[in-house]
């Protein structure tokens, strides 16, 4: 790897928005992995705050330019993901919810069905997989992880996060 690229990546890693996001991502994954708190309402209250922090730090991630997007073969094992999805479905007292697909269409509301287990599972999978890359010693792998954090947020789990925040808010509000 070119020395200038290495320095570029190291400078981005040291930026406060990146450090804050990585801390939030690790906190979210730890909350899911430790499988604590048998009380669904308390779990959702903690999860709601964690998702808000995750979203607020994700939106501040800087753009990063890398030469290529390499698949380093780092992934979350399927049995671990099955256990995570099972845990989520056992802690969250609901799964499906209605969502508006086009909020600007005023004549006919187009709705769809969301699945909070899928939302939370996808967020976890994207974050955990990329954190595994980020924790690698290789600067090239870390650079790829930085790019992946931003790409996944912008193009995938940002919407899952917003939907989960909204539906958890409604559940907690209705069950105060």
Protein backbone atom coordinates (compact mmCIF):
# COMPACT_ATOMS: atom_id res chain seq x y z
CA UNK A 1 0.00 0.00 0.00
CA UNK A 2 1.23 3.45 -0.91
CA UNK A 3 2.51 5.43 2.11
CA UNK A 4 0.27 8.42 1.29
CA UNK A 5 -2.81 6.18 1.25
CA UNK A 6 -1.79 4.65 4.57
CA UNK A 7 -1.42 8.10 6.15
CA UNK A 8 -4.79 9.16 4.63
CA UNK A 9 -6.54 6.16 6.19
CA UNK A 10 -4.82 6.63 9.55
CA UNK A 11 -5.92 10.30 9.61
CA UNK A 12 -9.53 9.31 8.94
CA UNK A 13 -9.42 6.61 11.64
CA UNK A 14 -8.34 9.27 14.15
CA UNK A 15 -11.23 11.67 13.31
CA UNK A 16 -13.76 12.24 16.11
CA UNK A 17 -16.81 11.35 13.97
CA UNK A 18 -15.22 8.01 13.09
CA UNK A 19 -14.21 7.29 16.68
CA UNK A 20 -17.71 8.19 17.91
CA UNK A 21 -19.35 6.01 15.28
CA UNK A 22 -17.12 3.01 15.95
CA UNK A 23 -17.89 3.33 19.67
CA UNK A 24 -21.64 3.46 18.93
CA UNK A 25 -21.42 0.50 16.53
CA UNK A 26 -19.53 -1.58 19.10
CA UNK A 27 -22.09 -0.60 21.75
CA UNK A 28 -25.00 -1.67 19.55
CA UNK A 29 -23.37 -5.00 18.72
CA UNK A 30 -22.48 -5.62 22.36
CA UNK A 31 -26.07 -4.92 23.44
CA UNK A 32 -27.33 -7.51 20.96
CA UNK A 33 -24.57 -10.06 21.63
CA UNK A 34 -24.69 -10.06 25.42
CA UNK A 35 -28.39 -10.96 25.27
CA UNK A 36 -29.09 -9.36 28.61
CA UNK A 37 -32.26 -7.89 30.01
CA UNK A 38 -35.16 -10.28 29.89
CA UNK A 39 -37.65 -7.43 30.22
CA UNK A 40 -38.77 -6.53 26.66
CA UNK A 41 -39.76 -2.96 27.53
CA UNK A 42 -36.45 -2.21 29.27
CA UNK A 43 -34.55 -3.82 26.40
CA UNK A 44 -36.44 -1.63 23.89
CA UNK A 45 -35.75 1.52 25.93
CA UNK A 46 -32.01 0.80 25.89
CA UNK A 47 -32.11 -0.27 22.24
CA UNK A 48 -34.00 2.90 21.25
CA UNK A 49 -31.28 5.10 22.76
CA UNK A 50 -28.58 2.97 21.15
CA UNK A 51 -30.21 3.29 17.71
CA UNK A 52 -30.51 7.07 18.08
CA UNK A 53 -26.81 7.31 18.94
CA UNK A 54 -25.92 5.02 16.07
CA UNK A 55 -27.92 7.09 13.60
CA UNK A 56 -26.58 10.41 14.90
CA UNK A 57 -22.98 9.23 14.61
CA UNK A 58 -23.53 7.41 11.29
CA UNK A 59 -24.80 10.55 9.60
CA UNK A 60 -21.49 12.29 10.41
CA UNK A 61 -19.24 9.63 8.88
CA UNK A 62 -16.85 11.20 6.36
CA UNK A 63 -16.67 10.13 2.75
CA UNK A 64 -13.62 8.04 2.06
CA UNK A 65 -12.11 7.30 -1.30
CA UNK A 66 -10.39 3.97 -1.75
CA UNK A 67 -8.84 2.54 -4.88
CA UNK A 68 -10.98 -0.57 -4.93
CA UNK A 69 -13.54 -2.40 -2.87
CA UNK A 70 -11.96 -5.74 -2.06
CA UNK A 71 -13.87 -8.62 -0.49
CA UNK A 72 -11.58 -9.80 2.28
CA UNK A 73 -13.77 -12.80 3.06
CA UNK A 74 -14.61 -11.54 6.54
CA UNK A 75 -18.15 -12.40 7.57
CA UNK A 76 -20.34 -13.25 10.54
CA UNK A 77 -20.92 -17.01 10.78
CA UNK A 78 -24.45 -18.09 9.78
CA UNK A 79 -25.10 -19.87 13.10
CA UNK A 80 -24.17 -16.68 14.99
CA UNK A 81 -26.60 -14.66 12.85
CA UNK A 82 -29.36 -17.22 13.44
CA UNK A 83 -28.79 -16.94 17.19
CA UNK A 84 -28.82 -13.12 16.98
CA UNK A 85 -32.10 -13.04 15.02
CA UNK A 86 -33.64 -15.55 17.46
CA UNK A 87 -32.57 -13.38 20.41
CA UNK A 88 -34.05 -10.25 18.82
CA UNK A 89 -37.34 -11.99 18.07
CA UNK A 90 -37.54 -13.21 21.69
CA UNK A 91 -36.85 -9.78 23.22
CA UNK A 92 -38.97 -7.61 20.95
CA UNK A 93 -42.69 -8.15 21.68
CA UNK A 94 -43.72 -7.40 18.09
CA UNK A 95 -42.26 -8.04 14.70
CA UNK A 96 -44.25 -6.62 11.78
CA UNK A 97 -45.44 -3.07 11.34
CA UNK A 98 -46.92 -0.88 8.62
CA UNK A 99 -44.79 1.74 6.94
CA UNK A 100 -45.48 4.41 4.33
CA UNK A 101 -43.46 3.69 1.19
CA UNK A 102 -43.82 7.11 -0.46
CA UNK A 103 -44.49 9.84 2.12
CA UNK A 104 -44.85 12.47 -0.61
CA UNK A 105 -47.67 10.73 -2.48
CA UNK A 106 -50.75 12.47 -1.11
CA UNK A 107 -53.45 10.98 -3.35
CA UNK A 108 -53.07 7.30 -2.48
CA UNK A 109 -51.00 6.14 0.45
CA UNK A 110 -48.65 3.34 -0.53
CA UNK A 111 -47.91 1.19 2.47
CA UNK A 112 -45.68 -1.76 3.08
CA UNK A 113 -44.96 -4.12 5.90
CA UNK A 114 -41.74 -3.79 7.84
CA UNK A 115 -40.12 -6.35 10.12
CA UNK A 116 -38.21 -5.04 13.13
CA UNK A 117 -36.36 -8.35 13.54
CA UNK A 118 -35.10 -7.95 9.99
CA UNK A 119 -34.29 -4.27 10.58
CA UNK A 120 -32.23 -4.95 13.70
CA UNK A 121 -30.65 -8.10 12.28
CA UNK A 122 -29.52 -6.29 9.12
CA UNK A 123 -28.09 -3.39 11.12
CA UNK A 124 -26.23 -5.84 13.35
CA UNK A 125 -24.90 -7.86 10.40
CA UNK A 126 -23.66 -4.79 8.50
CA UNK A 127 -21.99 -3.34 11.59
CA UNK A 128 -20.49 -6.56 12.95
CA UNK A 129 -19.05 -7.64 9.61
CA UNK A 130 -17.47 -4.22 9.11
CA UNK A 131 -16.21 -4.00 12.70
CA UNK A 132 -14.45 -7.32 12.12
CA UNK A 133 -12.65 -5.68 9.17
CA UNK A 134 -11.99 -2.50 11.14
CA UNK A 135 -10.31 -4.46 13.95
CA UNK A 136 -7.90 -6.07 11.45
CA UNK A 137 -4.25 -5.01 11.64
CA UNK A 138 -4.00 -4.30 7.92
CA UNK A 139 -4.40 -0.65 6.95
CA UNK A 140 -5.89 -1.77 3.62
CA UNK A 141 -8.58 -3.78 5.41
CA UNK A 142 -9.25 -0.88 7.83
CA UNK A 143 -9.57 1.50 4.87
CA UNK A 144 -12.07 -0.85 3.27
CA UNK A 145 -13.99 -0.98 6.56
CA UNK A 146 -14.16 2.83 6.74
CA UNK A 147 -15.57 2.95 3.23
CA UNK A 148 -18.01 0.09 4.06
CA UNK A 149 -19.32 1.85 7.20
CA UNK A 150 -20.28 4.91 5.16
CA UNK A 151 -21.58 2.97 2.15
CA UNK A 152 -23.74 0.63 4.25
CA UNK A 153 -25.17 3.52 6.25
CA UNK A 154 -26.00 5.59 3.19
CA UNK A 155 -27.34 2.73 1.09
CA UNK A 156 -28.81 0.15 3.43
CA UNK A 157 -29.14 0.25 7.18
CA UNK A 158 -29.94 3.96 7.58
CA UNK A 159 -33.53 3.23 6.52
CA UNK A 160 -33.70 0.14 8.73
CA UNK A 161 -32.50 2.30 11.63
CA UNK A 162 -35.08 5.04 11.04
CA UNK A 163 -37.87 2.46 10.79
CA UNK A 164 -36.74 0.70 13.98
CA UNK A 165 -36.44 4.02 15.87
CA UNK A 166 -39.93 5.01 14.79
CA UNK A 167 -41.68 1.71 15.56
CA UNK A 168 -39.91 1.29 18.91
CA UNK A 169 -40.89 4.87 19.80
CA UNK A 170 -44.55 4.07 19.03
CA UNK A 171 -44.46 0.86 21.04
CA UNK A 172 -42.85 2.57 24.07
CA UNK A 173 -45.27 5.51 23.82
CA UNK A 174 -48.30 3.21 23.72
CA UNK A 175 -46.96 1.12 26.62
CA UNK A 176 -45.90 3.79 29.08
